[in-house]
Structure formats: C-alpha cells, structure tokens
C-alpha cells in the first residue's frame, strides 16, 4: 500500500469508526442510571462506558491495521515504536457524560511519523462528525469538514471578533490560568467552556470559536482536533514537543492572525 493509499484508507476508516464508537457510547448514555462511575482524581471520572468503548475501538483498529500502534486514555500505551499511531479518547467530556449533559464526544487521531495527520471527532448527540487530514496528500480530499460541509477557521484580528474557548484541569494551578482570563476580558474578549477540549477545539476548526487555550491537556483529548484545525487553515502549537504524546502539554489554537496575540496573553512561550 502506498503512502497515499495508507492515508486514504485510515481516513475513511477513522470516520466510520468514530461514528460506530459514538453509537456504542450513546447507548450507555441512554441508560446512565445503570452506570457505575469511578474517580481517577480531582474532577476526573471514568465509567464502564469509557472502558467498553475503548475496547471496541482498539479491537476494530487491531483487526483492520494490525501493524499500527495505539495510545488510549483508558487502555494504555501500545505504540511499540510503530510509525503509525492511533490516539484515542473513547469519551472526551466524561464528567458531562455521567451527569447527563450533551457536550461529550469520541476522538480518534492518527499520528504518522510523529505528525498529527488524521482527525475524526464525533458528537453523537448533535450527530456531527468533525474530520480532516493535515498536510498535502495526493488523492486525499484537502481541507476539513463537519459531516459533508467544509470547515474553515475564523481568523480575526483581536479578541472582540468572537468567543474564545478555554479549558482547565487540576493538573494545572489556578494561578497559571486566571491571569489569562483577566487579560482576555480586559481586552474585550469572552470565553466559553463546555467540558470537552476535543469538541471546543473542533469548534475552532469549524469557525464557531476564534481560538482555544488550555495550560495542560492530554494528547488523546486534542490530537485529532489539532489535525482538523490545521486542515481547516488554523494554527496550533507543537503539542507533541517535549514528549507531549505521553506527558501532555499546553494547547493553543487560533487563526493565523490571532494566534500570536493569543500566545502573548497566556504568559508563556509558544513556537
């Protein structure tokens, strides 16, 4: 299989798999009263829905692409030095999921030779599949999509041009984050948080949010969306730098005009 055929095959497969996994997870969502929820830490929950959905995703990938590696939130690291890695989050926004809120999704990424290349993020409640392929690959449709409609980042000149997505977890300290919000509001901006980093980043790709910042996020929560944002004409920091795949990293995303202004108010250095 050529590189182009390989990308095309995985891109098509990832879209179908995201929808199938979303349907499985949504079945659990419809019977929340039967779920046992466990805590993994401060504001960090997991349920059988997360685990069983990841088992399903892993089994499908292993059957279709047995030579690829897999990194998942619940099932661990099976990369084994492979050049093609699937990075999966069976349910991004578990706190929303277990509390009967609709802002959660299935996130599936393909990283090729260390580059976020394919993204498929499915919101089964809105029935929206955000997808795209970053970079130029002959024979693969250019750009990003929401279902079958083209997606494009909304590039604005300042924070008054729209609403910014913002995320926070207790892996970071409040003092790292609150000055950013203060400066954003002081400059006439506004922020939005819905509990799913993957979905908010996809809203950047779709032009619904003008950008996104989170001081620390895990790779399975954002890598698929990074590929989609780049395919949609946006800019992201080099998330995988400094072993971001395993350790996580800060994430910054916006249109190319706003990106440096957004970076400046975070109080940290980005590429």
Protein backbone atom coordinates (compact mmCIF):
# COMPACT_ATOMS: atom_id res chain seq x y z
CA UNK A 1 0.00 0.00 0.00
CA UNK A 2 1.41 3.39 -0.98
CA UNK A 3 1.57 6.29 1.49
CA UNK A 4 -1.39 7.96 -0.22
CA UNK A 5 -3.44 4.77 -0.14
CA UNK A 6 -2.47 4.27 3.50
CA UNK A 7 -3.65 7.75 4.50
CA UNK A 8 -6.87 7.44 2.49
CA UNK A 9 -7.70 4.04 3.96
CA UNK A 10 -7.14 5.17 7.54
CA UNK A 11 -9.02 8.41 6.99
CA UNK A 12 -12.13 6.62 5.73
CA UNK A 13 -11.84 4.00 8.45
CA UNK A 14 -11.43 6.60 11.22
CA UNK A 15 -14.64 8.37 10.20
CA UNK A 16 -16.67 5.16 10.21
CA UNK A 17 -15.11 4.03 13.47
CA UNK A 18 -15.83 7.34 15.23
CA UNK A 19 -19.50 7.07 14.27
CA UNK A 20 -19.72 3.41 15.35
CA UNK A 21 -17.99 4.11 18.68
CA UNK A 22 -20.21 7.13 19.20
CA UNK A 23 -23.31 4.99 18.74
CA UNK A 24 -21.97 2.48 21.27
CA UNK A 25 -21.20 5.19 23.83
CA UNK A 26 -24.57 6.82 23.24
CA UNK A 27 -26.25 3.53 24.12
CA UNK A 28 -24.66 3.74 27.56
CA UNK A 29 -25.63 7.43 27.78
CA UNK A 30 -29.27 6.44 27.30
CA UNK A 31 -29.11 4.27 30.45
CA UNK A 32 -26.98 6.36 32.79
CA UNK A 33 -28.84 5.08 35.85
CA UNK A 34 -27.16 1.70 35.32
CA UNK A 35 -23.57 3.01 35.10
CA UNK A 36 -21.00 2.68 37.87
CA UNK A 37 -18.78 5.76 37.93
CA UNK A 38 -15.31 5.79 39.48
CA UNK A 39 -12.96 8.63 40.30
CA UNK A 40 -9.45 8.77 38.82
CA UNK A 41 -8.57 12.02 40.61
CA UNK A 42 -9.84 15.54 41.19
CA UNK A 43 -12.66 16.24 38.70
CA UNK A 44 -11.62 13.14 36.72
CA UNK A 45 -14.15 10.35 36.34
CA UNK A 46 -14.44 7.12 34.37
CA UNK A 47 -17.23 4.62 33.74
CA UNK A 48 -17.77 1.27 32.06
CA UNK A 49 -18.90 3.25 29.01
CA UNK A 50 -15.40 4.72 28.61
CA UNK A 51 -13.72 1.36 29.04
CA UNK A 52 -16.01 -0.68 26.80
CA UNK A 53 -15.99 1.95 24.06
CA UNK A 54 -12.20 1.98 24.05
CA UNK A 55 -12.09 -1.84 23.96
CA UNK A 56 -14.33 -1.69 20.89
CA UNK A 57 -12.19 0.95 19.15
CA UNK A 58 -8.96 -0.92 19.88
CA UNK A 59 -10.34 -4.20 18.59
CA UNK A 60 -11.51 -2.62 15.33
CA UNK A 61 -8.15 -0.90 14.74
CA UNK A 62 -6.18 -4.07 15.55
CA UNK A 63 -8.28 -6.04 13.09
CA UNK A 64 -8.01 -3.51 10.25
CA UNK A 65 -4.43 -2.27 10.80
CA UNK A 66 -2.58 -4.83 12.92
CA UNK A 67 0.81 -3.22 12.37
CA UNK A 68 -0.25 0.16 13.82
CA UNK A 69 0.31 1.26 17.41
CA UNK A 70 -2.41 2.53 19.74
CA UNK A 71 -2.42 5.00 22.63
CA UNK A 72 -5.68 5.39 24.53
CA UNK A 73 -6.86 7.13 27.67
CA UNK A 74 -8.20 4.01 29.33
CA UNK A 75 -6.30 1.14 27.68
CA UNK A 76 -2.73 2.33 27.91
CA UNK A 77 0.22 2.60 25.55
CA UNK A 78 0.65 0.03 22.77
CA UNK A 79 2.79 2.16 20.45
CA UNK A 80 5.80 -0.19 20.49
CA UNK A 81 7.92 2.08 18.28
CA UNK A 82 5.42 1.98 15.38
CA UNK A 83 5.46 4.77 12.80
CA UNK A 84 1.65 4.97 12.64
CA UNK A 85 -0.07 5.58 15.99
CA UNK A 86 -3.79 5.81 16.71
CA UNK A 87 -4.51 8.14 19.64
CA UNK A 88 -8.00 7.63 21.04
CA UNK A 89 -10.31 9.01 23.67
CA UNK A 90 -13.47 6.89 23.85
CA UNK A 91 -15.42 9.62 25.65
CA UNK A 92 -13.94 13.09 25.91
CA UNK A 93 -16.02 15.01 28.43
CA UNK A 94 -16.77 12.13 30.80
CA UNK A 95 -17.87 14.50 33.58
CA UNK A 96 -20.52 15.84 31.22
CA UNK A 97 -21.43 12.33 30.07
CA UNK A 98 -22.04 10.91 33.56
CA UNK A 99 -24.02 13.99 34.60
CA UNK A 100 -26.43 13.75 31.63
CA UNK A 101 -25.02 16.73 29.74
CA UNK A 102 -24.60 16.54 25.99
CA UNK A 103 -21.12 18.00 25.47
CA UNK A 104 -19.02 14.87 25.02
CA UNK A 105 -17.58 13.11 22.01
CA UNK A 106 -15.43 10.30 20.64
CA UNK A 107 -11.98 11.42 19.49
CA UNK A 108 -9.77 9.39 17.12
CA UNK A 109 -6.46 10.59 15.68
CA UNK A 110 -3.78 9.07 13.50
CA UNK A 111 -0.22 10.30 14.03
CA UNK A 112 2.17 9.41 11.21
CA UNK A 113 5.92 9.63 11.86
CA UNK A 114 5.30 11.97 14.78
CA UNK A 115 2.93 14.29 12.88
CA UNK A 116 -0.81 14.64 13.74
CA UNK A 117 -2.25 13.69 10.35
CA UNK A 118 -5.85 12.42 10.59
CA UNK A 119 -8.60 13.56 12.92
CA UNK A 120 -12.14 12.25 13.40
CA UNK A 121 -14.20 13.60 16.30
CA UNK A 122 -17.83 12.53 16.57
CA UNK A 123 -20.53 14.18 18.65
CA UNK A 124 -23.37 11.62 18.70
CA UNK A 125 -25.81 13.99 20.37
CA UNK A 126 -25.51 16.64 17.66
CA UNK A 127 -24.79 13.97 15.04
CA UNK A 128 -21.75 15.95 13.90
CA UNK A 129 -18.55 14.37 12.63
CA UNK A 130 -15.61 16.76 12.51
CA UNK A 131 -12.86 15.33 10.31
CA UNK A 132 -9.87 16.24 8.19
CA UNK A 133 -6.35 15.38 7.06
CA UNK A 134 -3.49 17.77 7.81
CA UNK A 135 -0.86 18.32 5.14
CA UNK A 136 -0.91 17.61 1.43
CA UNK A 137 -1.54 14.02 0.42
CA UNK A 138 -2.26 13.29 -3.24
CA UNK A 139 -5.61 11.66 -3.75
CA UNK A 140 -6.94 12.69 -0.32
CA UNK A 141 -9.58 15.44 -0.15
CA UNK A 142 -7.97 18.64 1.09
CA UNK A 143 -9.47 20.57 3.98
CA UNK A 144 -11.62 19.87 7.00
CA UNK A 145 -15.28 19.01 7.26
CA UNK A 146 -18.29 18.91 9.55
CA UNK A 147 -20.18 15.93 8.16
CA UNK A 148 -20.10 16.80 4.44
CA UNK A 149 -19.79 20.58 4.80
CA UNK A 150 -16.38 22.31 4.52
CA UNK A 151 -14.98 23.71 7.76
CA UNK A 152 -12.75 26.76 7.97
CA UNK A 153 -11.13 28.52 10.90
CA UNK A 154 -12.47 32.03 11.53
CA UNK A 155 -9.45 34.31 11.51
CA UNK A 156 -9.98 37.61 13.36
CA UNK A 157 -7.70 40.49 14.30
CA UNK A 158 -8.49 40.69 18.02
CA UNK A 159 -10.48 39.11 20.84
CA UNK A 160 -13.55 41.23 20.13
CA UNK A 161 -14.06 39.25 16.92
CA UNK A 162 -15.75 36.27 18.59
CA UNK A 163 -15.76 33.92 21.56
CA UNK A 164 -12.64 32.07 22.71
CA UNK A 165 -12.66 28.51 24.04
CA UNK A 166 -10.83 27.93 27.32
CA UNK A 167 -10.07 24.78 29.26
CA UNK A 168 -8.66 23.96 32.67
CA UNK A 169 -7.87 20.84 34.67
CA UNK A 170 -6.45 20.48 38.15
CA UNK A 171 -3.19 19.22 36.68
CA UNK A 172 -2.54 22.97 36.38
CA UNK A 173 -2.64 25.59 39.11
CA UNK A 174 -5.35 28.27 39.12
CA UNK A 175 -2.66 30.95 39.26
CA UNK A 176 -1.42 29.81 35.86
CA UNK A 177 -4.82 30.38 34.31
CA UNK A 178 -6.69 33.23 35.98
CA UNK A 179 -4.31 35.99 34.75
CA UNK A 180 -5.01 34.81 31.20
CA UNK A 181 -8.77 35.15 31.70
CA UNK A 182 -8.31 38.57 33.28
CA UNK A 183 -6.31 39.84 30.29
CA UNK A 184 -8.72 38.31 27.80
CA UNK A 185 -11.70 40.04 29.41
CA UNK A 186 -9.78 43.28 29.80
CA UNK A 187 -9.16 43.30 26.04
CA UNK A 188 -12.85 42.92 25.26
CA UNK A 189 -12.85 39.17 24.79
CA UNK A 190 -15.19 36.48 26.11
CA UNK A 191 -14.62 32.81 26.89
CA UNK A 192 -16.58 29.56 26.65
CA UNK A 193 -16.06 26.18 28.30
CA UNK A 194 -18.24 23.12 27.72
CA UNK A 195 -16.25 20.32 29.40
CA UNK A 196 -14.82 18.72 26.24
CA UNK A 197 -11.50 20.01 24.95
CA UNK A 198 -11.84 17.96 21.77
CA UNK A 199 -15.22 19.49 20.92
CA UNK A 200 -14.15 23.05 21.69
CA UNK A 201 -11.07 22.65 19.51
CA UNK A 202 -13.28 21.30 16.73
CA UNK A 203 -15.45 24.39 17.12
CA UNK A 204 -12.30 26.39 16.34
CA UNK A 205 -11.85 24.34 13.16
CA UNK A 206 -15.50 24.98 12.23
CA UNK A 207 -15.22 28.75 12.80
CA UNK A 208 -17.57 28.75 15.80
CA UNK A 209 -14.87 29.76 18.29
CA UNK A 210 -12.00 32.08 17.38
CA UNK A 211 -9.40 30.12 19.33
CA UNK A 212 -8.67 27.87 22.27
CA UNK A 213 -6.21 27.78 25.16
CA UNK A 214 -5.62 25.27 27.95
CA UNK A 215 -2.49 25.23 30.14
CA UNK A 216 -2.35 21.42 30.17
CA UNK A 217 -4.29 18.81 28.21
CA UNK A 218 -3.62 15.16 27.40
CA UNK A 219 -2.82 14.06 23.87
CA UNK A 220 -5.90 11.87 23.48
CA UNK A 221 -8.08 14.92 24.25
CA UNK A 222 -6.69 17.10 21.49
CA UNK A 223 -4.52 15.46 18.80
CA UNK A 224 -7.42 14.60 16.50
CA UNK A 225 -8.65 18.19 16.71
CA UNK A 226 -5.13 19.54 16.08
CA UNK A 227 -5.07 17.73 12.73
CA UNK A 228 -8.55 19.03 11.90
CA UNK A 229 -7.69 22.63 12.83
CA UNK A 230 -4.57 22.56 10.68
CA UNK A 231 -6.59 21.09 7.80
CA UNK A 232 -9.07 23.95 8.30
CA UNK A 233 -6.37 26.61 7.89
CA UNK A 234 -5.67 27.26 11.57
CA UNK A 235 -2.51 27.24 13.63
CA UNK A 236 -1.62 25.16 16.70
CA UNK A 237 1.47 24.98 18.85
CA UNK A 238 3.76 21.97 18.54
CA UNK A 239 1.79 19.92 21.04
CA UNK A 240 3.94 16.81 20.72
CA UNK A 241 7.14 18.66 21.70
CA UNK A 242 8.79 17.58 24.97
CA UNK A 243 7.07 14.18 24.92
CA UNK A 244 3.60 15.73 24.78
CA UNK A 245 2.19 12.45 23.49
CA UNK A 246 2.62 10.85 26.93
CA UNK A 247 3.08 13.77 29.32
CA UNK A 248 0.52 16.13 27.78
CA UNK A 249 1.20 19.78 27.09
CA UNK A 250 -0.37 23.20 26.79
CA UNK A 251 -2.58 23.67 23.74
CA UNK A 252 -3.02 26.88 21.79
CA UNK A 253 -5.08 27.15 18.61
CA UNK A 254 -6.44 30.01 16.52
CA UNK A 255 -6.46 31.57 13.09
CA UNK A 256 -3.05 32.70 11.94
CA UNK A 257 -3.71 36.40 12.58
CA UNK A 258 -4.98 35.94 16.14
CA UNK A 259 -2.55 33.17 17.10
CA UNK A 260 0.41 35.38 18.16
CA UNK A 261 -1.91 37.69 20.13
CA UNK A 262 -3.42 34.72 21.91
CA UNK A 263 0.02 33.33 22.69
CA UNK A 264 1.07 36.69 24.13
CA UNK A 265 -1.68 36.82 26.76
CA UNK A 266 -1.04 33.28 28.06
CA UNK A 267 2.15 34.39 29.79
CA UNK A 268 4.14 31.52 28.33
CA UNK A 269 6.32 30.92 25.26
CA UNK A 270 4.99 29.06 22.24
CA UNK A 271 6.60 28.21 18.91
